[in-house]
C-alpha cells in the first residue's frame, strides 16, 4: 500500500488584537481619600498604594458601559486586521462584567458593531477572556465558525464600595479597591502555521465563595448591598498559593518548553505583591512579564488582552507567548500561542 501523505493538522490562532482604556485616571491616593471621607474612616496615608503597589487605574465615566469598551476594542481589532463587521461569523463577549442580566451583552455589542454573527456571552470571572479565545478556537477547528471576534469590556470599578459603613466593611471589600476598567478584543481564525498550540485548565470549585459579587443572580436578585465586591485578598492569595503551580508545570512539561522558549509571559495581575509572589513560585524571569498592574490595577479578564495588545506589534512570526489566567471560582488556565 502506498504511503499516504500526512494531512496537516488544522490550526487556529490570534490574527489581530486591540484594547480600549477609559479616559479618566484615578489615583490610589485619591480613591483612599474619597473612601475615608465618605466612610468617616481614619486610614494610614498611602495605605492603598503601599498595600497593592497600584498607583493609578482607569475608570469608566457616565455613559460608558462594559459593552462600550468591548465595542471600541472590537472595532480597533477589526480595523487592524482589515476586516469589516460582516467578516465575522462568531461574536463572543467574554467578561466578568455585563451591561444587563438579560439578554447576553454580546447582542448589545453586536448591535453597535453591525455584525450579524452567532453571538453569546462567556463568563468565568477573570478567566472569561482566555476561555472565550479557547471557545473561539474550538469552534473554528470544529468548522462551526470561520472567523471569530472575542471581546471583553470590564467595569469592576462599579462594584467598589466607596462609602463603607465601618472599618470591617472597608476590609471585607478591600480587594475591590484594586479594580480598574478596560476592554480588549482579538480576532481568532484558521492559520497555516503557529496559532494556539496548547491549552490547559485546572478548577477548584470548592473555593467558589472566597470572593465575588453576589448580587444579580437567583440567590440575591435585588438589594444594593449585594452589588459590591466581597472578598479577602489575603484569603484569595492563600487559595492560589495552596493550589500551586501544577497546571503551569504540566504545560511546560507537555510542550517541552522552558521559560527561555517564550518571548513573553502574560499573567493575570491583581496586585504588585501577588505578581512578585507568582514570579517567585514559578521562576518566570521578570523580563518575560508585561507589567500593567501599577498603572491600570486589576482589570479583570481584560488584563491579558491589554498586555497582548502592548506587545503584539513587537512579536515576530514564530515567537511564542504563554498566557496564565487566574480567576475566581477558583480556576487557573494556561494557553501557549505562537504568532503566525
Protein backbone atom coordinates (compact mmCIF):
# COMPACT_ATOMS: atom_id res chain seq x y z
CA UNK A 1 0.00 0.00 0.00
CA UNK A 2 1.49 3.33 -0.96
CA UNK A 3 2.28 5.72 1.87
CA UNK A 4 -0.31 8.40 2.07
CA UNK A 5 0.92 11.95 2.60
CA UNK A 6 0.16 13.25 6.05
CA UNK A 7 -2.62 15.79 6.30
CA UNK A 8 -1.59 18.95 8.15
CA UNK A 9 -3.46 19.40 11.39
CA UNK A 10 -5.86 22.34 11.28
CA UNK A 11 -4.74 25.33 13.32
CA UNK A 12 -6.46 28.38 14.71
CA UNK A 13 -4.74 31.44 16.02
CA UNK A 14 -4.98 35.07 17.03
CA UNK A 15 -4.51 37.31 14.00
CA UNK A 16 -5.40 40.72 15.43
CA UNK A 17 -5.66 42.31 18.87
CA UNK A 18 -6.75 45.63 20.33
CA UNK A 19 -7.59 47.22 23.65
CA UNK A 20 -9.57 50.17 24.99
CA UNK A 21 -8.99 52.24 28.12
CA UNK A 22 -11.36 54.82 29.62
CA UNK A 23 -10.02 58.36 29.73
CA UNK A 24 -10.41 59.06 33.44
CA UNK A 25 -7.39 58.27 35.63
CA UNK A 26 -7.98 57.71 39.34
CA UNK A 27 -5.00 57.53 41.69
CA UNK A 28 -4.96 55.22 44.68
CA UNK A 29 -4.32 58.16 46.98
CA UNK A 30 -7.38 59.99 45.69
CA UNK A 31 -9.51 56.85 45.95
CA UNK A 32 -8.37 56.32 49.53
CA UNK A 33 -9.19 59.92 50.46
CA UNK A 34 -12.68 59.56 48.97
CA UNK A 35 -13.34 56.27 50.76
CA UNK A 36 -12.04 57.63 54.09
CA UNK A 37 -14.16 60.78 53.77
CA UNK A 38 -17.38 59.04 52.77
CA UNK A 39 -16.94 56.26 55.30
CA UNK A 40 -15.68 58.57 58.07
CA UNK A 41 -12.61 56.36 58.45
CA UNK A 42 -9.12 57.16 59.64
CA UNK A 43 -6.68 55.32 57.41
CA UNK A 44 -2.87 55.37 57.27
CA UNK A 45 -1.62 57.66 54.49
CA UNK A 46 -0.97 55.91 51.14
CA UNK A 47 -2.37 52.64 52.53
CA UNK A 48 -3.81 51.51 49.19
CA UNK A 49 -0.66 52.31 47.25
CA UNK A 50 1.64 50.61 49.72
CA UNK A 51 -0.51 47.51 50.16
CA UNK A 52 -1.22 46.91 46.48
CA UNK A 53 1.54 48.63 44.52
CA UNK A 54 -1.20 50.17 42.37
CA UNK A 55 -0.66 53.86 41.71
CA UNK A 56 -3.49 54.55 39.24
CA UNK A 57 -6.34 52.89 37.41
CA UNK A 58 -8.74 53.88 34.61
CA UNK A 59 -12.39 54.47 35.47
CA UNK A 60 -15.34 54.30 33.07
CA UNK A 61 -17.32 57.54 33.21
CA UNK A 62 -21.03 58.17 32.87
CA UNK A 63 -22.48 56.53 29.76
CA UNK A 64 -19.52 54.15 29.40
CA UNK A 65 -20.52 50.53 29.92
CA UNK A 66 -18.90 47.13 29.62
CA UNK A 67 -20.28 46.94 26.07
CA UNK A 68 -18.86 50.39 25.24
CA UNK A 69 -15.30 49.27 25.98
CA UNK A 70 -15.85 45.97 24.16
CA UNK A 71 -17.18 47.74 21.07
CA UNK A 72 -14.25 50.16 20.99
CA UNK A 73 -11.72 47.35 21.27
CA UNK A 74 -13.62 45.23 18.77
CA UNK A 75 -13.67 47.96 16.13
CA UNK A 76 -9.95 48.52 16.55
CA UNK A 77 -9.21 44.80 16.22
CA UNK A 78 -11.27 44.53 13.03
CA UNK A 79 -9.65 47.66 11.59
CA UNK A 80 -6.15 46.38 12.34
CA UNK A 81 -6.98 43.14 10.52
CA UNK A 82 -8.52 44.96 7.56
CA UNK A 83 -11.86 43.36 8.25
CA UNK A 84 -15.42 44.61 8.32
CA UNK A 85 -18.26 43.67 10.69
CA UNK A 86 -19.75 41.16 8.23
CA UNK A 87 -16.46 39.25 8.03
CA UNK A 88 -17.17 37.80 11.49
CA UNK A 89 -19.48 34.81 11.95
CA UNK A 90 -18.94 34.28 15.70
CA UNK A 91 -19.02 37.03 18.32
CA UNK A 92 -18.15 36.19 21.92
CA UNK A 93 -18.47 38.72 24.72
CA UNK A 94 -16.20 37.14 27.31
CA UNK A 95 -16.17 39.12 30.54
CA UNK A 96 -16.88 39.14 34.25
CA UNK A 97 -18.84 42.38 33.72
CA UNK A 98 -22.03 42.80 31.72
CA UNK A 99 -24.47 45.53 30.82
CA UNK A 100 -27.65 43.78 31.94
CA UNK A 101 -28.73 40.45 33.42
CA UNK A 102 -30.57 39.60 30.20
CA UNK A 103 -30.07 39.47 27.25
CA UNK A 104 -26.45 38.50 26.67
CA UNK A 105 -24.26 41.59 26.41
CA UNK A 106 -22.91 40.12 23.16
CA UNK A 107 -26.13 41.23 21.49
CA UNK A 108 -25.62 44.83 22.64
CA UNK A 109 -22.06 44.71 21.29
CA UNK A 110 -23.27 43.19 18.03
CA UNK A 111 -25.92 45.85 17.53
CA UNK A 112 -23.26 48.57 17.92
CA UNK A 113 -20.65 46.87 15.74
CA UNK A 114 -23.05 45.92 12.97
CA UNK A 115 -22.04 42.27 12.88
CA UNK A 116 -24.52 39.52 12.04
CA UNK A 117 -22.68 36.68 13.76
CA UNK A 118 -23.76 33.97 16.14
CA UNK A 119 -23.43 35.92 19.41
CA UNK A 120 -23.22 34.79 23.03
CA UNK A 121 -21.59 35.53 26.37
CA UNK A 122 -18.79 33.59 28.08
CA UNK A 123 -18.44 34.23 31.82
CA UNK A 124 -15.81 32.80 34.16
CA UNK A 125 -14.57 35.68 36.33
CA UNK A 126 -11.10 36.90 35.35
CA UNK A 127 -10.54 33.89 33.07
CA UNK A 128 -13.50 34.84 30.86
CA UNK A 129 -11.44 36.32 28.01
CA UNK A 130 -8.99 33.40 27.77
CA UNK A 131 -11.94 30.99 27.97
CA UNK A 132 -13.54 32.95 25.14
CA UNK A 133 -10.42 32.62 23.00
CA UNK A 134 -10.34 28.89 23.67
CA UNK A 135 -14.03 28.50 22.76
CA UNK A 136 -13.49 30.51 19.55
CA UNK A 137 -10.53 28.28 18.66
CA UNK A 138 -12.64 25.17 19.26
CA UNK A 139 -15.47 26.47 17.09
CA UNK A 140 -13.09 27.31 14.25
CA UNK A 141 -11.40 23.90 14.41
CA UNK A 142 -14.78 22.17 14.50
CA UNK A 143 -15.89 24.01 11.38
CA UNK A 144 -18.65 25.82 13.24
CA UNK A 145 -17.14 29.25 12.61
CA UNK A 146 -14.80 30.73 10.03
CA UNK A 147 -13.69 33.81 11.92
CA UNK A 148 -14.46 34.87 15.49
CA UNK A 149 -14.25 38.17 17.29
CA UNK A 150 -13.73 37.75 21.03
CA UNK A 151 -14.27 40.90 23.08
CA UNK A 152 -14.28 41.87 26.71
CA UNK A 153 -15.37 45.00 28.49
CA UNK A 154 -14.63 45.18 32.18
CA UNK A 155 -16.11 47.77 34.57
CA UNK A 156 -15.41 46.27 38.02
CA UNK A 157 -14.84 49.74 39.47
CA UNK A 158 -18.63 49.98 39.72
CA UNK A 159 -18.58 47.16 42.27
CA UNK A 160 -16.27 49.06 44.63
CA UNK A 161 -17.73 50.17 47.96
CA UNK A 162 -16.67 53.83 48.15
CA UNK A 163 -18.68 54.61 51.32
CA UNK A 164 -18.10 51.72 53.76
CA UNK A 165 -20.16 51.83 56.95
CA UNK A 166 -17.18 50.96 59.12
CA UNK A 167 -13.67 49.54 59.02
CA UNK A 168 -14.95 45.96 58.91
CA UNK A 169 -16.91 46.72 55.76
CA UNK A 170 -13.87 48.51 54.30
CA UNK A 171 -11.74 45.45 54.97
CA UNK A 172 -14.27 42.98 53.56
CA UNK A 173 -14.28 44.87 50.29
CA UNK A 174 -10.59 45.76 50.22
CA UNK A 175 -9.81 43.58 47.18
CA UNK A 176 -12.24 45.73 45.23
CA UNK A 177 -10.05 48.78 45.65
CA UNK A 178 -7.59 47.18 43.22
CA UNK A 179 -10.07 47.36 40.33
CA UNK A 180 -9.78 49.34 37.13
CA UNK A 181 -11.76 49.33 33.88
CA UNK A 182 -10.66 48.29 30.38
CA UNK A 183 -11.64 46.48 27.20
CA UNK A 184 -9.85 44.14 24.81
CA UNK A 185 -10.53 42.16 21.65
CA UNK A 186 -8.92 39.52 19.44
CA UNK A 187 -9.70 38.03 16.05
CA UNK A 188 -9.43 34.22 16.01
CA UNK A 189 -9.35 32.32 12.71
CA UNK A 190 -7.64 29.49 10.85
CA UNK A 191 -3.90 29.92 10.30
CA UNK A 192 -1.38 27.94 8.27
CA UNK A 193 1.32 27.91 10.93
CA UNK A 194 1.69 28.76 14.58
CA UNK A 195 -1.55 29.63 16.32
CA UNK A 196 -2.81 28.30 19.64
CA UNK A 197 -0.62 25.28 20.37
CA UNK A 198 -1.68 24.17 23.83
CA UNK A 199 -4.41 24.83 26.41
CA UNK A 200 -4.73 23.52 29.95
CA UNK A 201 -7.06 24.27 32.84
CA UNK A 202 -7.42 23.44 36.50
CA UNK A 203 -10.51 24.17 38.57
CA UNK A 204 -11.00 24.13 42.35
CA UNK A 205 -14.68 24.98 42.70
CA UNK A 206 -14.81 24.24 46.41
CA UNK A 207 -13.40 27.75 46.83
CA UNK A 208 -16.15 29.50 44.85
CA UNK A 209 -17.25 31.54 47.86
CA UNK A 210 -13.87 33.14 48.60
CA UNK A 211 -14.65 36.30 46.64
CA UNK A 212 -17.12 37.75 44.19
CA UNK A 213 -20.18 39.91 43.57
CA UNK A 214 -23.21 38.06 44.98
CA UNK A 215 -25.97 40.25 43.53
CA UNK A 216 -27.91 39.88 40.30
CA UNK A 217 -28.49 36.12 40.38
CA UNK A 218 -31.24 33.95 41.80
CA UNK A 219 -29.68 33.94 45.30
CA UNK A 220 -29.70 37.73 45.64
CA UNK A 221 -31.71 39.18 42.75
CA UNK A 222 -32.16 42.57 44.41
CA UNK A 223 -30.51 44.76 47.01
CA UNK A 224 -27.67 47.25 46.61
CA UNK A 225 -25.67 45.61 49.40
CA UNK A 226 -25.09 42.59 47.13
CA UNK A 227 -23.74 44.61 44.18
CA UNK A 228 -20.34 45.26 45.78
CA UNK A 229 -17.33 43.00 45.51
CA UNK A 230 -16.68 40.98 48.64
CA UNK A 231 -13.52 39.04 49.30
CA UNK A 232 -10.46 38.88 51.48
CA UNK A 233 -7.41 39.47 49.33
CA UNK A 234 -5.17 37.51 51.68
CA UNK A 235 -7.55 34.54 51.57
CA UNK A 236 -7.72 34.67 47.77
CA UNK A 237 -3.94 34.75 47.56
CA UNK A 238 -3.71 31.88 50.02
CA UNK A 239 -6.02 29.71 47.93
CA UNK A 240 -4.00 30.28 44.76
CA UNK A 241 -0.76 29.51 46.61
CA UNK A 242 -2.33 26.34 48.05
CA UNK A 243 -3.42 25.25 44.59
CA UNK A 244 0.16 25.76 43.43
CA UNK A 245 1.77 25.77 40.01
CA UNK A 246 0.77 22.30 38.81
CA UNK A 247 -1.04 23.47 35.68
CA UNK A 248 1.95 25.60 34.64
CA UNK A 249 4.35 22.75 35.37
CA UNK A 250 2.24 20.41 33.22
CA UNK A 251 2.17 22.90 30.37
CA UNK A 252 5.95 23.31 30.35
CA UNK A 253 6.48 19.55 30.56
CA UNK A 254 3.93 18.68 27.87
CA UNK A 255 5.24 21.26 25.40
CA UNK A 256 8.87 20.54 26.19
CA UNK A 257 9.47 24.23 26.77
CA UNK A 258 11.14 26.29 29.46
CA UNK A 259 10.91 29.99 30.18
CA UNK A 260 13.55 30.78 27.54
CA UNK A 261 11.19 29.43 24.90
CA UNK A 262 8.66 32.20 25.44
CA UNK A 263 9.05 35.71 24.14
CA UNK A 264 6.66 36.89 26.86
CA UNK A 265 4.54 35.53 29.69
CA UNK A 266 1.19 37.26 30.16
CA UNK A 267 -0.36 36.66 33.56
CA UNK A 268 -3.46 37.98 35.27
CA UNK A 269 -2.39 40.70 37.71
CA UNK A 270 -4.19 41.59 40.94
CA UNK A 271 -1.54 43.50 42.91
CA UNK A 272 2.19 44.04 42.64
CA UNK A 273 2.99 41.83 45.69
CA UNK A 274 0.93 38.99 44.23
CA UNK A 275 2.69 39.31 40.85
CA UNK A 276 6.05 39.20 42.61
CA UNK A 277 4.94 36.11 44.51
CA UNK A 278 3.82 34.48 41.26
CA UNK A 279 7.27 35.08 39.76
CA UNK A 280 8.89 33.65 42.89
CA UNK A 281 6.77 30.48 42.89
CA UNK A 282 7.04 29.78 39.15
CA UNK A 283 10.55 31.01 38.46
CA UNK A 284 9.48 33.07 35.46
CA UNK A 285 12.13 35.75 34.74
CA UNK A 286 10.89 39.27 35.47
CA UNK A 287 11.91 40.37 31.99
CA UNK A 288 9.38 37.99 30.43
CA UNK A 289 6.43 39.67 32.18
CA UNK A 290 4.38 42.56 30.82
CA UNK A 291 3.61 44.54 33.97
CA UNK A 292 0.40 46.57 33.86
CA UNK A 293 -0.98 46.43 37.41
CA UNK A 294 0.80 49.52 38.88
CA UNK A 295 -0.70 51.69 36.13
CA UNK A 296 -4.05 50.02 35.45
CA UNK A 297 -4.86 47.99 38.57
CA UNK A 298 -6.78 44.73 38.38
CA UNK A 299 -8.69 44.99 35.11
CA UNK A 300 -10.24 41.52 35.47
CA UNK A 301 -10.49 39.50 32.26
CA UNK A 302 -9.15 42.38 30.13
CA UNK A 303 -5.71 42.01 31.76
CA UNK A 304 -4.20 39.51 29.33
CA UNK A 305 -5.82 41.19 26.31
CA UNK A 306 -4.35 44.58 27.21
CA UNK A 307 -0.93 43.03 27.76
CA UNK A 308 -1.11 41.20 24.43
CA UNK A 309 -2.06 44.41 22.63
CA UNK A 310 1.01 46.14 24.06
CA UNK A 311 3.45 43.56 22.71
CA UNK A 312 1.67 42.27 19.59
CA UNK A 313 3.49 44.58 17.18
CA UNK A 314 6.87 43.68 18.65
CA UNK A 315 6.48 39.94 18.13
CA UNK A 316 7.99 38.18 15.13
CA UNK A 317 6.44 35.17 13.41
CA UNK A 318 7.36 32.09 15.42
CA UNK A 319 7.52 33.94 18.75
CA UNK A 320 5.63 32.10 21.46
CA UNK A 321 3.68 33.63 24.33
CA UNK A 322 2.31 31.94 27.43
CA UNK A 323 -1.00 33.15 28.86
CA UNK A 324 -1.65 32.40 32.54
CA UNK A 325 -5.19 33.13 33.69
CA UNK A 326 -6.23 33.22 37.33
CA UNK A 327 -9.92 33.52 38.09
CA UNK A 328 -12.32 33.45 40.99
CA UNK A 329 -14.19 30.21 41.30
CA UNK A 330 -11.29 29.13 41.52
CA UNK A 331 -9.82 28.43 38.07
CA UNK A 332 -6.36 28.52 36.54
CA UNK A 333 -5.76 28.43 32.79
CA UNK A 334 -2.75 28.32 30.51
CA UNK A 335 -2.55 28.89 26.77
CA UNK A 336 0.50 28.69 24.51
CA UNK A 337 0.18 30.86 21.42
CA UNK A 338 2.63 31.26 18.54
CA UNK A 339 2.44 34.27 16.27
CA UNK A 340 1.79 33.26 12.68
